[in-house]
mmCIF file of all heavy atoms, coordinates in Angstrom:
data_MODEL
# 
_entry.id   MODEL 
# 
loop_
_atom_site.group_PDB 
_atom_site.id 
_atom_site.type_symbol 
_atom_site.label_atom_id 
_atom_site.label_alt_id 
_atom_site.label_comp_id 
_atom_site.label_asym_id 
_atom_site.label_entity_id 
_atom_site.label_seq_id 
_atom_site.pdbx_PDB_ins_code 
_atom_site.Cartn_x 
_atom_site.Cartn_y 
_atom_site.Cartn_z 
_atom_site.occupancy 
_atom_site.B_iso_or_equiv 
_atom_site.pdbx_formal_charge 
_atom_site.auth_seq_id 
_atom_site.auth_comp_id 
_atom_site.auth_asym_id 
_atom_site.auth_atom_id 
_atom_site.pdbx_PDB_model_num 
ATOM 1   N N   . PRO A 1 1  ? 101.527 98.140  112.399 1.00 0.00 ? 1  PRO A N   1 
ATOM 2   C CA  . PRO A 1 1  ? 100.810 99.123  111.569 1.00 0.00 ? 1  PRO A CA  1 
ATOM 3   C C   . PRO A 1 1  ? 101.667 99.648  110.422 1.00 0.00 ? 1  PRO A C   1 
ATOM 4   O O   . PRO A 1 1  ? 102.852 99.942  110.589 1.00 0.00 ? 1  PRO A O   1 
ATOM 5   C CB  . PRO A 1 1  ? 100.498 100.248 112.567 1.00 0.00 ? 1  PRO A CB  1 
ATOM 6   C CG  . PRO A 1 1  ? 100.539 99.584  113.910 1.00 0.00 ? 1  PRO A CG  1 
ATOM 7   C CD  . PRO A 1 1  ? 101.598 98.541  113.808 1.00 0.00 ? 1  PRO A CD  1 
ATOM 8   N N   . ALA A 1 2  ? 101.052 99.751  109.254 1.00 0.00 ? 2  ALA A N   1 
ATOM 9   C CA  . ALA A 1 2  ? 101.750 100.274 108.080 1.00 0.00 ? 2  ALA A CA  1 
ATOM 10  C C   . ALA A 1 2  ? 102.027 101.763 108.251 1.00 0.00 ? 2  ALA A C   1 
ATOM 11  O O   . ALA A 1 2  ? 101.182 102.505 108.726 1.00 0.00 ? 2  ALA A O   1 
ATOM 12  C CB  . ALA A 1 2  ? 100.911 100.041 106.827 1.00 0.00 ? 2  ALA A CB  1 
ATOM 13  N N   . VAL A 1 3  ? 103.232 102.187 107.867 1.00 0.00 ? 3  VAL A N   1 
ATOM 14  C CA  . VAL A 1 3  ? 103.575 103.602 107.907 1.00 0.00 ? 3  VAL A CA  1 
ATOM 15  C C   . VAL A 1 3  ? 102.941 104.290 106.699 1.00 0.00 ? 3  VAL A C   1 
ATOM 16  O O   . VAL A 1 3  ? 103.116 103.850 105.561 1.00 0.00 ? 3  VAL A O   1 
ATOM 17  C CB  . VAL A 1 3  ? 105.103 103.808 107.889 1.00 0.00 ? 3  VAL A CB  1 
ATOM 18  C CG1 . VAL A 1 3  ? 105.457 105.291 107.802 1.00 0.00 ? 3  VAL A CG1 1 
ATOM 19  C CG2 . VAL A 1 3  ? 105.731 103.180 109.136 1.00 0.00 ? 3  VAL A CG2 1 
ATOM 20  N N   . ALA A 1 4  ? 102.196 105.347 106.952 1.00 0.00 ? 4  ALA A N   1 
ATOM 21  C CA  . ALA A 1 4  ? 101.519 106.066 105.875 1.00 0.00 ? 4  ALA A CA  1 
ATOM 22  C C   . ALA A 1 4  ? 102.533 106.806 104.997 1.00 0.00 ? 4  ALA A C   1 
ATOM 23  O O   . ALA A 1 4  ? 103.600 107.207 105.476 1.00 0.00 ? 4  ALA A O   1 
ATOM 24  C CB  . ALA A 1 4  ? 100.507 107.044 106.453 1.00 0.00 ? 4  ALA A CB  1 
ATOM 25  N N   . PRO A 1 5  ? 102.230 106.991 103.716 1.00 0.00 ? 5  PRO A N   1 
ATOM 26  C CA  . PRO A 1 5  ? 103.159 107.686 102.811 1.00 0.00 ? 5  PRO A CA  1 
ATOM 27  C C   . PRO A 1 5  ? 103.473 109.105 103.270 1.00 0.00 ? 5  PRO A C   1 
ATOM 28  O O   . PRO A 1 5  ? 102.602 109.797 103.815 1.00 0.00 ? 5  PRO A O   1 
ATOM 29  C CB  . PRO A 1 5  ? 102.402 107.689 101.481 1.00 0.00 ? 5  PRO A CB  1 
ATOM 30  C CG  . PRO A 1 5  ? 101.479 106.523 101.559 1.00 0.00 ? 5  PRO A CG  1 
ATOM 31  C CD  . PRO A 1 5  ? 101.046 106.477 102.995 1.00 0.00 ? 5  PRO A CD  1 
ATOM 32  N N   . VAL A 1 6  ? 104.707 109.510 103.061 1.00 0.00 ? 6  VAL A N   1 
ATOM 33  C CA  . VAL A 1 6  ? 105.129 110.887 103.311 1.00 0.00 ? 6  VAL A CA  1 
ATOM 34  C C   . VAL A 1 6  ? 105.864 111.378 102.072 1.00 0.00 ? 6  VAL A C   1 
ATOM 35  O O   . VAL A 1 6  ? 106.381 110.585 101.277 1.00 0.00 ? 6  VAL A O   1 
ATOM 36  C CB  . VAL A 1 6  ? 106.052 110.992 104.546 1.00 0.00 ? 6  VAL A CB  1 
ATOM 37  C CG1 . VAL A 1 6  ? 105.340 110.495 105.791 1.00 0.00 ? 6  VAL A CG1 1 
ATOM 38  C CG2 . VAL A 1 6  ? 107.348 110.223 104.334 1.00 0.00 ? 6  VAL A CG2 1 
ATOM 39  N N   . SER A 1 7  ? 105.905 112.684 101.910 1.00 0.00 ? 7  SER A N   1 
ATOM 40  C CA  . SER A 1 7  ? 106.623 113.262 100.779 1.00 0.00 ? 7  SER A CA  1 
ATOM 41  C C   . SER A 1 7  ? 108.119 113.035 100.929 1.00 0.00 ? 7  SER A C   1 
ATOM 42  O O   . SER A 1 7  ? 108.654 113.060 102.044 1.00 0.00 ? 7  SER A O   1 
ATOM 43  C CB  . SER A 1 7  ? 106.322 114.759 100.698 1.00 0.00 ? 7  SER A CB  1 
ATOM 44  O OG  . SER A 1 7  ? 107.212 115.405 99.824  1.00 0.00 ? 7  SER A OG  1 
ATOM 45  N N   . ALA A 1 8  ? 108.806 112.811 99.815  1.00 0.00 ? 8  ALA A N   1 
ATOM 46  C CA  . ALA A 1 8  ? 110.260 112.631 99.854  1.00 0.00 ? 8  ALA A CA  1 
ATOM 47  C C   . ALA A 1 8  ? 110.938 113.864 100.423 1.00 0.00 ? 8  ALA A C   1 
ATOM 48  O O   . ALA A 1 8  ? 112.013 113.773 101.043 1.00 0.00 ? 8  ALA A O   1 
ATOM 49  C CB  . ALA A 1 8  ? 110.786 112.333 98.451  1.00 0.00 ? 8  ALA A CB  1 
ATOM 50  N N   . ASP A 1 9  ? 110.296 115.020 100.272 1.00 0.00 ? 9  ASP A N   1 
ATOM 51  C CA  . ASP A 1 9  ? 110.841 116.260 100.823 1.00 0.00 ? 9  ASP A CA  1 
ATOM 52  C C   . ASP A 1 9  ? 110.686 116.324 102.340 1.00 0.00 ? 9  ASP A C   1 
ATOM 53  O O   . ASP A 1 9  ? 111.329 117.132 103.003 1.00 0.00 ? 9  ASP A O   1 
ATOM 54  C CB  . ASP A 1 9  ? 110.159 117.475 100.192 1.00 0.00 ? 9  ASP A CB  1 
ATOM 55  C CG  . ASP A 1 9  ? 110.463 117.611 98.706  1.00 0.00 ? 9  ASP A CG  1 
ATOM 56  O OD1 . ASP A 1 9  ? 111.534 117.122 98.280  1.00 0.00 ? 9  ASP A OD1 1 
ATOM 57  O OD2 . ASP A 1 9  ? 109.636 118.190 97.979  1.00 0.00 ? 9  ASP A OD2 1 
ATOM 58  N N   . ASP A 1 10 ? 109.796 115.473 102.873 1.00 0.00 ? 10 ASP A N   1 
ATOM 59  C CA  . ASP A 1 10 ? 109.549 115.441 104.314 1.00 0.00 ? 10 ASP A CA  1 
ATOM 60  C C   . ASP A 1 10 ? 110.361 114.328 104.970 1.00 0.00 ? 10 ASP A C   1 
ATOM 61  O O   . ASP A 1 10 ? 109.890 113.647 105.879 1.00 0.00 ? 10 ASP A O   1 
ATOM 62  C CB  . ASP A 1 10 ? 108.052 115.246 104.575 1.00 0.00 ? 10 ASP A CB  1 
ATOM 63  C CG  . ASP A 1 10 ? 107.688 115.436 106.044 1.00 0.00 ? 10 ASP A CG  1 
ATOM 64  O OD1 . ASP A 1 10 ? 108.434 116.132 106.759 1.00 0.00 ? 10 ASP A OD1 1 
ATOM 65  O OD2 . ASP A 1 10 ? 106.666 114.868 106.477 1.00 0.00 ? 10 ASP A OD2 1 
ATOM 66  N N   . THR A 1 11 ? 111.576 114.106 104.489 1.00 0.00 ? 11 THR A N   1 
ATOM 67  C CA  . THR A 1 11 ? 112.461 113.090 105.046 1.00 0.00 ? 11 THR A CA  1 
ATOM 68  C C   . THR A 1 11 ? 113.848 113.700 105.252 1.00 0.00 ? 11 THR A C   1 
ATOM 69  O O   . THR A 1 11 ? 114.198 114.695 104.610 1.00 0.00 ? 11 THR A O   1 
ATOM 70  C CB  . THR A 1 11 ? 112.588 111.863 104.124 1.00 0.00 ? 11 THR A CB  1 
ATOM 71  O OG1 . THR A 1 11 ? 113.237 112.247 102.903 1.00 0.00 ? 11 THR A OG1 1 
ATOM 72  C CG2 . THR A 1 11 ? 111.229 111.267 103.813 1.00 0.00 ? 11 THR A CG2 1 
ATOM 73  N N   . LYS A 1 12 ? 114.607 113.091 106.141 1.00 0.00 ? 12 LYS A N   1 
ATOM 74  C CA  . LYS A 1 12 ? 115.959 113.571 106.408 1.00 0.00 ? 12 LYS A CA  1 
ATOM 75  C C   . LYS A 1 12 ? 116.880 112.385 106.683 1.00 0.00 ? 12 LYS A C   1 
ATOM 76  O O   . LYS A 1 12 ? 116.624 111.581 107.579 1.00 0.00 ? 12 LYS A O   1 
ATOM 77  C CB  . LYS A 1 12 ? 115.970 114.522 107.608 1.00 0.00 ? 12 LYS A CB  1 
ATOM 78  C CG  . LYS A 1 12 ? 117.337 115.125 107.895 1.00 0.00 ? 12 LYS A CG  1 
ATOM 79  C CD  . LYS A 1 12 ? 117.260 116.111 109.052 1.00 0.00 ? 12 LYS A CD  1 
ATOM 80  C CE  . LYS A 1 12 ? 118.635 116.725 109.336 1.00 0.00 ? 12 LYS A CE  1 
ATOM 81  N NZ  . LYS A 1 12 ? 118.574 117.695 110.465 1.00 0.00 ? 12 LYS A NZ  1 
ATOM 82  N N   . GLY A 1 13 ? 117.927 112.265 105.868 1.00 0.00 ? 13 GLY A N   1 
ATOM 83  C CA  . GLY A 1 13 ? 118.917 111.225 106.075 1.00 0.00 ? 13 GLY A CA  1 
ATOM 84  C C   . GLY A 1 13 ? 118.577 109.886 105.470 1.00 0.00 ? 13 GLY A C   1 
ATOM 85  O O   . GLY A 1 13 ? 119.362 108.940 105.554 1.00 0.00 ? 13 GLY A O   1 
ATOM 86  N N   . VAL A 1 14 ? 117.377 109.771 104.861 1.00 0.00 ? 14 VAL A N   1 
ATOM 87  C CA  . VAL A 1 14 ? 116.939 108.509 104.270 1.00 0.00 ? 14 VAL A CA  1 
ATOM 88  C C   . VAL A 1 14 ? 117.246 108.522 102.776 1.00 0.00 ? 14 VAL A C   1 
ATOM 89  O O   . VAL A 1 14 ? 117.034 109.522 102.096 1.00 0.00 ? 14 VAL A O   1 
ATOM 90  C CB  . VAL A 1 14 ? 115.428 108.291 104.487 1.00 0.00 ? 14 VAL A CB  1 
ATOM 91  C CG1 . VAL A 1 14 ? 114.990 106.931 103.937 1.00 0.00 ? 14 VAL A CG1 1 
ATOM 92  C CG2 . VAL A 1 14 ? 115.088 108.407 105.969 1.00 0.00 ? 14 VAL A CG2 1 
ATOM 93  N N   . LYS A 1 15 ? 117.746 107.400 102.254 1.00 0.00 ? 15 LYS A N   1 
ATOM 94  C CA  . LYS A 1 15 ? 118.085 107.293 100.840 1.00 0.00 ? 15 LYS A CA  1 
ATOM 95  C C   . LYS A 1 15 ? 116.859 107.594 99.984  1.00 0.00 ? 15 LYS A C   1 
ATOM 96  O O   . LYS A 1 15 ? 115.777 107.055 100.205 1.00 0.00 ? 15 LYS A O   1 
ATOM 97  C CB  . LYS A 1 15 ? 118.597 105.889 100.534 1.00 0.00 ? 15 LYS A CB  1 
ATOM 98  C CG  . LYS A 1 15 ? 119.098 105.684 99.118  1.00 0.00 ? 15 LYS A CG  1 
ATOM 99  C CD  . LYS A 1 15 ? 119.660 104.274 98.957  1.00 0.00 ? 15 LYS A CD  1 
ATOM 100 C CE  . LYS A 1 15 ? 120.181 104.047 97.546  1.00 0.00 ? 15 LYS A CE  1 
ATOM 101 N NZ  . LYS A 1 15 ? 120.731 102.667 97.386  1.00 0.00 ? 15 LYS A NZ  1 
ATOM 102 N N   . LYS A 1 16 ? 117.018 108.478 99.001  1.00 0.00 ? 16 LYS A N   1 
ATOM 103 C CA  . LYS A 1 16 ? 115.877 108.919 98.190  1.00 0.00 ? 16 LYS A CA  1 
ATOM 104 C C   . LYS A 1 16 ? 115.413 107.873 97.186  1.00 0.00 ? 16 LYS A C   1 
ATOM 105 O O   . LYS A 1 16 ? 114.244 107.822 96.831  1.00 0.00 ? 16 LYS A O   1 
ATOM 106 C CB  . LYS A 1 16 ? 116.243 110.209 97.442  1.00 0.00 ? 16 LYS A CB  1 
ATOM 107 C CG  . LYS A 1 16 ? 116.586 111.387 98.345  1.00 0.00 ? 16 LYS A CG  1 
ATOM 108 C CD  . LYS A 1 16 ? 115.400 111.840 99.173  1.00 0.00 ? 16 LYS A CD  1 
ATOM 109 C CE  . LYS A 1 16 ? 115.723 113.087 99.982  1.00 0.00 ? 16 LYS A CE  1 
ATOM 110 N NZ  . LYS A 1 16 ? 114.597 113.521 100.833 1.00 0.00 ? 16 LYS A NZ  1 
ATOM 111 N N   . LYS A 1 17 ? 116.324 107.027 96.721  1.00 0.00 ? 17 LYS A N   1 
ATOM 112 C CA  . LYS A 1 17 ? 115.951 106.030 95.717  1.00 0.00 ? 17 LYS A CA  1 
ATOM 113 C C   . LYS A 1 17 ? 114.913 105.067 96.290  1.00 0.00 ? 17 LYS A C   1 
ATOM 114 O O   . LYS A 1 17 ? 115.097 104.497 97.367  1.00 0.00 ? 17 LYS A O   1 
ATOM 115 C CB  . LYS A 1 17 ? 117.182 105.251 95.266  1.00 0.00 ? 17 LYS A CB  1 
ATOM 116 C CG  . LYS A 1 17 ? 116.873 104.159 94.247  1.00 0.00 ? 17 LYS A CG  1 
ATOM 117 C CD  . LYS A 1 17 ? 118.135 103.376 93.891  1.00 0.00 ? 17 LYS A CD  1 
ATOM 118 C CE  . LYS A 1 17 ? 117.813 102.247 92.917  1.00 0.00 ? 17 LYS A CE  1 
ATOM 119 N NZ  . LYS A 1 17 ? 119.008 101.425 92.603  1.00 0.00 ? 17 LYS A NZ  1 
ATOM 120 N N   . GLY A 1 18 ? 113.823 104.885 95.564  1.00 0.00 ? 18 GLY A N   1 
ATOM 121 C CA  . GLY A 1 18 ? 112.793 103.947 96.003  1.00 0.00 ? 18 GLY A CA  1 
ATOM 122 C C   . GLY A 1 18 ? 112.010 104.434 97.201  1.00 0.00 ? 18 GLY A C   1 
ATOM 123 O O   . GLY A 1 18 ? 111.366 103.649 97.890  1.00 0.00 ? 18 GLY A O   1 
ATOM 124 N N   . LEU A 1 19 ? 112.058 105.743 97.466  1.00 0.00 ? 19 LEU A N   1 
ATOM 125 C CA  . LEU A 1 19 ? 111.325 106.326 98.576  1.00 0.00 ? 19 LEU A CA  1 
ATOM 126 C C   . LEU A 1 19 ? 109.970 106.776 98.043  1.00 0.00 ? 19 LEU A C   1 
ATOM 127 O O   . LEU A 1 19 ? 109.835 107.849 97.449  1.00 0.00 ? 19 LEU A O   1 
ATOM 128 C CB  . LEU A 1 19 ? 112.113 107.512 99.133  1.00 0.00 ? 19 LEU A CB  1 
ATOM 129 C CG  . LEU A 1 19 ? 111.705 108.086 100.494 1.00 0.00 ? 19 LEU A CG  1 
ATOM 130 C CD1 . LEU A 1 19 ? 111.814 107.033 101.591 1.00 0.00 ? 19 LEU A CD1 1 
ATOM 131 C CD2 . LEU A 1 19 ? 112.566 109.288 100.832 1.00 0.00 ? 19 LEU A CD2 1 
ATOM 132 N N   . MET A 1 20 ? 108.951 105.952 98.238  1.00 0.00 ? 20 MET A N   1 
ATOM 133 C CA  . MET A 1 20 ? 107.651 106.218 97.631  1.00 0.00 ? 20 MET A CA  1 
ATOM 134 C C   . MET A 1 20 ? 106.551 105.474 98.376  1.00 0.00 ? 20 MET A C   1 
ATOM 135 O O   . MET A 1 20 ? 106.826 104.593 99.204  1.00 0.00 ? 20 MET A O   1 
ATOM 136 C CB  . MET A 1 20 ? 107.653 105.783 96.169  1.00 0.00 ? 20 MET A CB  1 
ATOM 137 C CG  . MET A 1 20 ? 107.905 104.296 95.975  1.00 0.00 ? 20 MET A CG  1 
ATOM 138 S SD  . MET A 1 20 ? 108.104 103.825 94.232  1.00 0.00 ? 20 MET A SD  1 
ATOM 139 C CE  . MET A 1 20 ? 109.740 104.478 93.892  1.00 0.00 ? 20 MET A CE  1 
ATOM 140 N N   . GLY A 1 21 ? 105.311 105.845 98.080  1.00 0.00 ? 21 GLY A N   1 
ATOM 141 C CA  . GLY A 1 21 ? 104.176 105.161 98.663  1.00 0.00 ? 21 GLY A CA  1 
ATOM 142 C C   . GLY A 1 21 ? 103.518 104.239 97.650  1.00 0.00 ? 21 GLY A C   1 
ATOM 143 O O   . GLY A 1 21 ? 103.755 104.349 96.449  1.00 0.00 ? 21 GLY A O   1 
ATOM 144 N N   . PHE A 1 22 ? 102.710 103.306 98.144  1.00 0.00 ? 22 PHE A N   1 
ATOM 145 C CA  . PHE A 1 22 ? 101.937 102.436 97.256  1.00 0.00 ? 22 PHE A CA  1 
ATOM 146 C C   . PHE A 1 22 ? 100.627 102.089 97.941  1.00 0.00 ? 22 PHE A C   1 
ATOM 147 O O   . PHE A 1 22 ? 100.480 102.253 99.148  1.00 0.00 ? 22 PHE A O   1 
ATOM 148 C CB  . PHE A 1 22 ? 102.726 101.170 96.888  1.00 0.00 ? 22 PHE A CB  1 
ATOM 149 C CG  . PHE A 1 22 ? 102.819 100.151 98.006  1.00 0.00 ? 22 PHE A CG  1 
ATOM 150 C CD1 . PHE A 1 22 ? 102.022 99.009  98.006  1.00 0.00 ? 22 PHE A CD1 1 
ATOM 151 C CD2 . PHE A 1 22 ? 103.719 100.326 99.057  1.00 0.00 ? 22 PHE A CD2 1 
ATOM 152 C CE1 . PHE A 1 22 ? 102.109 98.070  99.029  1.00 0.00 ? 22 PHE A CE1 1 
ATOM 153 C CE2 . PHE A 1 22 ? 103.825 99.401  100.074 1.00 0.00 ? 22 PHE A CE2 1 
ATOM 154 C CZ  . PHE A 1 22 ? 103.015 98.263  100.068 1.00 0.00 ? 22 PHE A CZ  1 
ATOM 155 N N   . THR A 1 23 ? 99.667  101.648 97.161  1.00 0.00 ? 23 THR A N   1 
ATOM 156 C CA  . THR A 1 23 ? 98.363  101.264 97.701  1.00 0.00 ? 23 THR A CA  1 
ATOM 157 C C   . THR A 1 23 ? 98.270  99.748  97.796  1.00 0.00 ? 23 THR A C   1 
ATOM 158 O O   . THR A 1 23 ? 98.432  99.038  96.800  1.00 0.00 ? 23 THR A O   1 
ATOM 159 C CB  . THR A 1 23 ? 97.215  101.795 96.828  1.00 0.00 ? 23 THR A CB  1 
ATOM 160 O OG1 . THR A 1 23 ? 97.315  103.223 96.738  1.00 0.00 ? 23 THR A OG1 1 
ATOM 161 C CG2 . THR A 1 23 ? 95.860  101.437 97.427  1.00 0.00 ? 23 THR A CG2 1 
ATOM 162 N N   . ARG A 1 24 ? 98.018  99.250  98.989  1.00 0.00 ? 24 ARG A N   1 
ATOM 163 C CA  . ARG A 1 24 ? 97.898  97.817  99.226  1.00 0.00 ? 24 ARG A CA  1 
ATOM 164 C C   . ARG A 1 24 ? 96.566  97.291  98.681  1.00 0.00 ? 24 ARG A C   1 
ATOM 165 O O   . ARG A 1 24 ? 95.642  98.079  98.446  1.00 0.00 ? 24 ARG A O   1 
ATOM 166 C CB  . ARG A 1 24 ? 97.979  97.549  100.728 1.00 0.00 ? 24 ARG A CB  1 
ATOM 167 C CG  . ARG A 1 24 ? 99.257  98.007  101.402 1.00 0.00 ? 24 ARG A CG  1 
ATOM 168 C CD  . ARG A 1 24 ? 99.068  98.192  102.909 1.00 0.00 ? 24 ARG A CD  1 
ATOM 169 N NE  . ARG A 1 24 ? 98.416  97.042  103.508 1.00 0.00 ? 24 ARG A NE  1 
ATOM 170 C CZ  . ARG A 1 24 ? 99.063  95.989  104.035 1.00 0.00 ? 24 ARG A CZ  1 
ATOM 171 N NH1 . ARG A 1 24 ? 100.392 95.997  104.057 1.00 0.00 ? 24 ARG A NH1 1 
ATOM 172 N NH2 . ARG A 1 24 ? 98.415  94.971  104.554 1.00 0.00 ? 24 ARG A NH2 1 
# 
């Protein structure tokens, strides 16, 4: 299952560059 998009502010410890959602 595809992981649904989350806000970059709702992440911890994950590299911010290229942290985004897209529509398939």
